Protein backbone atom coordinates (compact mmCIF):
# COMPACT_ATOMS: atom_id res chain seq x y z
CA UNK A 1 8.51 56.22 54.26
CA UNK A 2 9.73 52.53 54.08
CA UNK A 3 9.39 50.21 51.10
CA UNK A 4 9.96 46.07 51.72
CA UNK A 5 10.50 44.24 48.72
CA UNK A 6 11.18 40.68 47.81
CA UNK A 7 12.86 39.38 44.57
CA UNK A 8 11.74 36.79 42.06
CA UNK A 9 13.00 33.51 40.41
CA UNK A 10 16.90 34.08 39.03
CA UNK A 11 18.09 36.27 42.38
CA UNK A 12 19.14 32.45 44.14
CA UNK A 13 23.07 31.91 43.74
CA UNK A 14 24.54 28.89 44.80
CA UNK A 15 25.32 29.13 48.77
CA UNK A 16 23.26 32.14 49.49
CA UNK A 17 21.79 31.31 52.48
CA UNK A 18 25.20 29.48 54.16
CA UNK A 19 25.57 32.96 56.16
CA UNK A 20 22.19 33.37 57.17
CA UNK A 21 22.31 29.89 59.10
CA UNK A 22 24.64 31.09 61.69
CA UNK A 23 21.69 33.72 62.85
CA UNK A 24 20.13 32.16 65.95
CA UNK A 25 17.42 29.96 65.31
CA UNK A 26 17.35 30.24 61.59
CA UNK A 27 18.68 26.87 60.52
CA UNK A 28 15.89 25.18 63.00
CA UNK A 29 13.64 27.34 61.07
CA UNK A 30 14.66 26.04 57.34
CA UNK A 31 14.76 22.18 58.61
CA UNK A 32 11.21 22.75 59.73
CA UNK A 33 10.39 24.03 57.51
CA UNK A 34 12.45 21.31 54.64
CA UNK A 35 10.29 18.68 56.77
CA UNK A 36 6.71 20.31 56.12
CA UNK A 37 7.70 21.01 52.21
CA UNK A 38 9.64 17.69 51.77
CA UNK A 39 12.11 19.69 50.31
CA UNK A 40 15.91 19.85 52.14
CA UNK A 41 15.98 23.82 51.80
CA UNK A 42 19.18 23.76 53.89
CA UNK A 43 20.97 21.55 51.21
CA UNK A 44 19.81 23.93 48.24
CA UNK A 45 20.31 27.09 50.12
CA UNK A 46 23.94 26.04 51.33
CA UNK A 47 25.85 23.32 49.26
CA UNK A 48 23.39 22.88 45.68
CA UNK A 49 25.03 23.72 42.65
CA UNK A 50 23.56 26.52 40.36
CA UNK A 51 21.85 23.95 38.37
CA UNK A 52 19.98 22.36 41.09
CA UNK A 53 18.76 25.71 42.14
CA UNK A 54 17.85 26.45 38.82
CA UNK A 55 14.63 23.81 38.94
CA UNK A 56 11.43 25.89 39.41
CA UNK A 57 10.19 23.34 42.02
CA UNK A 58 13.38 24.55 44.31
CA UNK A 59 14.19 27.62 43.21
CA UNK A 60 10.61 28.88 44.21
CA UNK A 61 9.89 27.87 47.79
CA UNK A 62 14.34 28.65 48.36
CA UNK A 63 13.75 32.03 47.59
CA UNK A 64 10.52 33.07 49.84
CA UNK A 65 12.15 30.38 52.72
CA UNK A 66 15.21 33.17 52.55
CA UNK A 67 13.27 36.55 52.82
CA UNK A 68 10.93 35.11 55.63
CA UNK A 69 14.61 34.80 57.24
CA UNK A 70 15.75 37.91 56.14
CA UNK A 71 12.32 39.56 57.56
CA UNK A 72 12.54 37.42 60.75
CA UNK A 73 15.82 38.97 61.60
CA UNK A 74 15.19 42.30 60.41
CA UNK A 75 13.24 42.21 63.16
CA UNK A 76 10.24 44.99 64.00
CA UNK A 77 10.23 47.87 61.22
CA UNK A 78 7.49 50.15 60.32
CA UNK A 79 7.22 49.87 56.20
CA UNK A 80 4.63 51.63 54.28
CA UNK A 81 4.11 49.52 52.08
CA UNK A 82 5.63 45.81 50.35
CA UNK A 83 5.93 43.76 47.68
CA UNK A 84 7.26 41.15 45.73
CA UNK A 85 8.51 40.36 42.13
CA UNK A 86 6.41 37.77 40.84
CA UNK A 87 7.44 34.79 43.31
CA UNK A 88 8.35 37.25 45.87
CA UNK A 89 4.79 38.58 45.93
CA UNK A 90 4.15 35.51 48.16
CA UNK A 91 7.29 36.78 50.51
CA UNK A 92 5.00 39.76 50.17
CA UNK A 93 1.63 38.12 51.20
CA UNK A 94 3.62 37.24 54.57
CA UNK A 95 4.88 40.69 55.53
CA UNK A 96 1.66 42.35 54.72
CA UNK A 97 -0.02 39.74 57.24
CA UNK A 98 -1.93 38.18 54.38
CA UNK A 99 -0.73 34.83 55.18
CA UNK A 100 0.74 33.39 57.61
CA UNK A 101 4.93 31.60 56.95
CA UNK A 102 3.66 27.67 56.86
CA UNK A 103 0.61 28.73 54.06
CA UNK A 104 2.78 30.64 51.71
CA UNK A 105 5.40 28.06 52.01
CA UNK A 106 2.79 25.25 51.34
CA UNK A 107 1.57 27.74 48.06
CA UNK A 108 4.24 28.24 46.73
CA UNK A 109 5.76 24.79 46.62
CA UNK A 110 2.65 23.99 44.84
CA UNK A 111 3.45 26.91 42.61
CA UNK A 112 6.36 26.06 42.03
CA UNK A 113 5.72 22.11 41.15
CA UNK A 114 2.57 23.45 39.10
CA UNK A 115 4.76 25.73 37.30
CA UNK A 116 7.84 23.34 36.79
CA UNK A 117 5.13 20.95 35.26
CA UNK A 118 4.14 23.45 32.99
CA UNK A 119 7.54 24.55 31.62
CA UNK A 120 8.18 20.87 30.56
CA UNK A 121 5.55 20.73 28.20
CA UNK A 122 7.63 23.31 25.73
CA UNK A 123 11.41 24.50 25.98
CA UNK A 124 11.03 27.55 26.58
CA UNK A 125 13.04 30.64 28.43
CA UNK A 126 13.30 34.18 29.20
CA UNK A 127 15.50 36.72 28.73
CA UNK A 128 16.61 40.21 29.81
CA UNK A 129 16.62 43.53 27.14
CA UNK A 130 18.98 46.11 28.79
CA UNK A 131 17.93 49.60 27.14
CA UNK A 132 14.89 51.09 24.56
CA UNK A 133 11.98 52.08 25.58
CA UNK A 134 8.33 49.81 25.63
CA UNK A 135 7.33 52.08 22.31
CA UNK A 136 9.68 50.18 20.37
CA UNK A 137 10.62 47.01 22.51
CA UNK A 138 6.76 45.69 22.61
CA UNK A 139 5.81 45.50 19.45
CA UNK A 140 9.33 43.81 18.45
CA UNK A 141 8.75 41.12 20.82
CA UNK A 142 5.09 40.99 19.27
CA UNK A 143 6.25 40.50 16.09
CA UNK A 144 8.13 37.43 16.85
CA UNK A 145 5.59 35.85 19.00
CA UNK A 146 7.33 36.58 22.36
CA UNK A 147 5.63 38.15 25.69
CA UNK A 148 6.56 40.81 27.44
CA UNK A 149 6.51 38.79 30.84
CA UNK A 150 8.32 41.47 32.96
CA UNK A 151 8.20 45.25 32.34
CA UNK A 152 10.64 46.00 35.02
CA UNK A 153 10.89 49.72 33.95
CA UNK A 154 14.57 51.56 34.34
CA UNK A 155 15.08 50.16 30.61
CA UNK A 156 14.07 46.56 31.41
CA UNK A 157 12.00 44.56 29.83
CA UNK A 158 12.28 40.63 29.97
CA UNK A 159 11.05 39.11 27.01
CA UNK A 160 9.95 34.92 27.46
CA UNK A 161 8.92 32.39 24.93
CA UNK A 162 10.06 29.33 23.31
CA UNK A 163 13.97 28.64 22.99
CA UNK A 164 13.21 29.20 19.23
CA UNK A 165 12.02 32.51 19.64
CA UNK A 166 14.64 33.89 21.82
CA UNK A 167 17.46 32.42 19.44
CA UNK A 168 15.78 34.82 16.86
CA UNK A 169 15.59 37.51 19.38
CA UNK A 170 18.98 37.73 20.32
CA UNK A 171 19.85 37.91 16.57
CA UNK A 172 17.53 40.68 15.59
CA UNK A 173 17.47 43.03 18.72
CA UNK A 174 14.70 46.33 19.21
CA UNK A 175 16.18 48.97 18.10
CA UNK A 176 17.71 50.59 21.14
CA UNK A 177 18.71 47.63 22.95
CA UNK A 178 22.10 47.23 24.12
CA UNK A 179 22.08 43.42 23.95
CA UNK A 180 19.80 40.14 25.80
CA UNK A 181 20.83 38.51 28.92
CA UNK A 182 18.93 34.84 29.67
CA UNK A 183 17.97 34.58 32.53
CA UNK A 184 18.72 31.09 35.36
CA UNK A 185 14.91 30.32 35.41
CA UNK A 186 13.03 27.13 33.52
CA UNK A 187 10.41 28.31 31.75
CA UNK A 188 8.90 31.15 30.44
CA UNK A 189 7.03 32.16 33.30
CA UNK A 190 4.29 34.48 33.14
CA UNK A 191 2.76 33.89 29.68
CA UNK A 192 0.56 31.37 28.42
CA UNK A 193 2.49 28.68 28.79
CA UNK A 194 2.13 28.33 32.33
CA UNK A 195 -2.03 28.59 31.84
CA UNK A 196 -1.88 24.74 33.21
CA UNK A 197 -0.35 25.66 36.70
CA UNK A 198 -3.24 28.44 37.41
CA UNK A 199 -5.99 25.61 37.68
CA UNK A 200 -3.50 23.62 39.94
CA UNK A 201 -2.89 26.83 42.04
CA UNK A 202 -6.82 27.96 42.10
CA UNK A 203 -7.63 24.90 43.85
CA UNK A 204 -4.53 25.28 46.19
CA UNK A 205 -5.77 29.25 46.97
CA UNK A 206 -9.39 27.44 47.84
CA UNK A 207 -7.63 25.96 51.03
CA UNK A 208 -6.13 29.18 52.03
CA UNK A 209 -7.79 31.57 54.87
CA UNK A 210 -6.67 35.17 53.97
CA UNK A 211 -6.30 38.05 56.15
CA UNK A 212 -6.80 41.66 54.76
CA UNK A 213 -2.98 43.38 54.50
CA UNK A 214 -2.28 45.65 57.26
CA UNK A 215 -0.33 47.80 55.28
CA UNK A 216 -0.14 48.57 51.22
CA UNK A 217 -0.03 45.61 49.42
CA UNK A 218 1.17 46.86 46.15
CA UNK A 219 0.13 44.08 42.56
CA UNK A 220 1.97 42.84 40.26
CA UNK A 221 -0.65 42.95 37.88
CA UNK A 222 -1.15 46.89 37.75
CA UNK A 223 1.02 48.27 40.19
CA UNK A 224 -2.50 49.14 42.54
CA UNK A 225 -2.46 48.34 46.05
CA UNK A 226 -5.10 45.56 47.07
CA UNK A 227 -7.03 46.30 49.73
CA UNK A 228 -8.28 42.29 50.65
CA UNK A 229 -6.37 39.59 51.36
CA UNK A 230 -9.36 37.68 49.36
CA UNK A 231 -7.82 39.66 46.04
CA UNK A 232 -4.35 39.56 46.80
CA UNK A 233 -4.64 35.05 46.85
CA UNK A 234 -6.74 35.62 43.85
CA UNK A 235 -3.71 37.94 41.80
CA UNK A 236 -1.14 35.36 43.35
CA UNK A 237 -3.05 32.55 41.59
CA UNK A 238 -3.51 34.76 38.35
CA UNK A 239 -0.34 36.44 37.71
CA UNK A 240 1.59 33.18 36.94
CA UNK A 241 0.13 33.27 33.48
CA UNK A 242 0.48 37.12 33.02
CA UNK A 243 2.85 39.73 33.22
CA UNK A 244 4.78 41.09 35.88
CA UNK A 245 4.17 45.28 36.01
CA UNK A 246 6.77 46.17 38.34
CA UNK A 247 7.10 49.47 36.82
CA UNK A 248 3.86 50.70 37.58
CA UNK A 249 4.95 49.28 41.21
CA UNK A 250 7.45 51.62 41.14
CA UNK A 251 5.54 54.25 40.11
CA UNK A 252 2.99 53.55 42.67
CA UNK A 253 6.19 53.70 45.25
CA UNK A 254 6.79 57.10 44.48
CA UNK A 255 3.24 57.87 44.60
CA UNK A 256 3.11 56.68 48.15
CA UNK A 257 6.06 58.83 49.06
CA UNK A 258 8.89 56.22 48.96
CA UNK A 259 11.72 57.42 51.02
CA UNK A 260 13.59 54.33 51.43
CA UNK A 261 13.88 50.50 49.60
CA UNK A 262 14.87 47.68 51.47
CA UNK A 263 15.51 44.63 49.22
CA UNK A 264 15.11 41.16 51.38
CA UNK A 265 17.29 38.07 50.50
CA UNK A 266 18.52 37.58 47.94
CA UNK A 267 18.92 40.75 47.19
CA UNK A 268 20.43 42.85 44.38
CA UNK A 269 18.11 42.50 41.64
CA UNK A 270 15.19 44.94 42.34
CA UNK A 271 17.54 48.02 44.63
CA UNK A 272 19.24 47.90 40.61
CA UNK A 273 16.22 48.87 39.31
CA UNK A 274 14.62 51.22 42.33
CA UNK A 275 18.16 53.24 41.73
CA UNK A 276 17.28 54.12 38.33
CA UNK A 277 13.79 54.30 38.66
CA UNK A 278 13.19 56.12 42.24
CA UNK A 279 15.80 58.81 41.94
CA UNK A 280 15.94 60.15 45.90
CA UNK A 281 15.09 56.96 47.37
CA UNK A 282 17.70 55.51 49.55
CA UNK A 283 18.28 51.83 48.97
CA UNK A 284 19.32 48.68 50.46
CA UNK A 285 19.65 45.05 49.91
CA UNK A 286 20.09 42.47 52.29
CA UNK A 287 22.59 39.78 50.90
CA UNK A 288 23.96 38.67 53.94
CA UNK A 289 23.42 39.05 57.40
CA UNK A 290 26.18 42.08 57.66
CA UNK A 291 23.35 44.21 55.96
CA UNK A 292 21.40 43.93 58.67
CA UNK A 293 22.55 46.79 61.00
CA UNK A 294 22.46 49.21 57.66
CA UNK A 295 18.93 47.66 57.12
CA UNK A 296 17.79 48.48 60.75
CA UNK A 297 19.33 51.97 60.62
CA UNK A 298 17.81 52.78 57.58
CA UNK A 299 14.48 51.50 58.69
CA UNK A 300 14.53 53.86 62.11
CA UNK A 301 15.16 57.10 59.43
CA UNK A 302 12.12 56.20 57.09
CA UNK A 303 9.12 54.46 59.15
CA UNK A 304 5.52 54.84 58.13
CA UNK A 305 3.48 58.21 58.33
């Protein structure tokens, strides 16, 4: 059984979309979406530097657009489940048939702007803790006033909070943790610092007309599959101020009988976690169009039951 996943913010790198624009129709689609969003996705995906694409209002639409381009290029496959990490959940909603491309891109544009505005109130950030176990790490973060914003499994928990709190963490790592790595994001996402964005997204969600998922949609909230489009959208709204439980998502992949996992562009992060947490599951990251043939072959071998 095949699982398709979409990465979250921080996966973007300068110029990562350049090779994808050589595919037939890709640049036309990206320019059409750019006009609709009033955001030059072609520039940001090909010529912008790391600081430009770190901007939350830019990174989020750019990542969803990249995932949609990769899914189009991959073509007809038969996944048994889909999921996305943080903003990748919006890409996953398209893959599951809950939202169409235009609605998803409009929603993520609103999300990026609202979260950027919320992040501007206080200087905040996120750091990935490598190593350690939740039983030790989580109480330690609580003592420092930090939030475990992403519980990713495979020995990785992402802490989020003010820059002062993160500096304190860097000098006082939890027992068993090897190091803390600052993420390429511009705010403490999935924490109370993002609460102002929830109201904005709730209003935007009222204008959506979601369909029920046509395959298993695995939610960041609790790793459960979500049966209705209305609930998917409700969870997309709430998740910006609540932790991502990617560890539980991977547990659900295993319970569903996953045998292969393909990560949409810009792939790498989620396949890395899966290699450690899902032994025996074959993984492939769509980094460039050169990966498409291998992805199609893998998909053909691992179709939905």
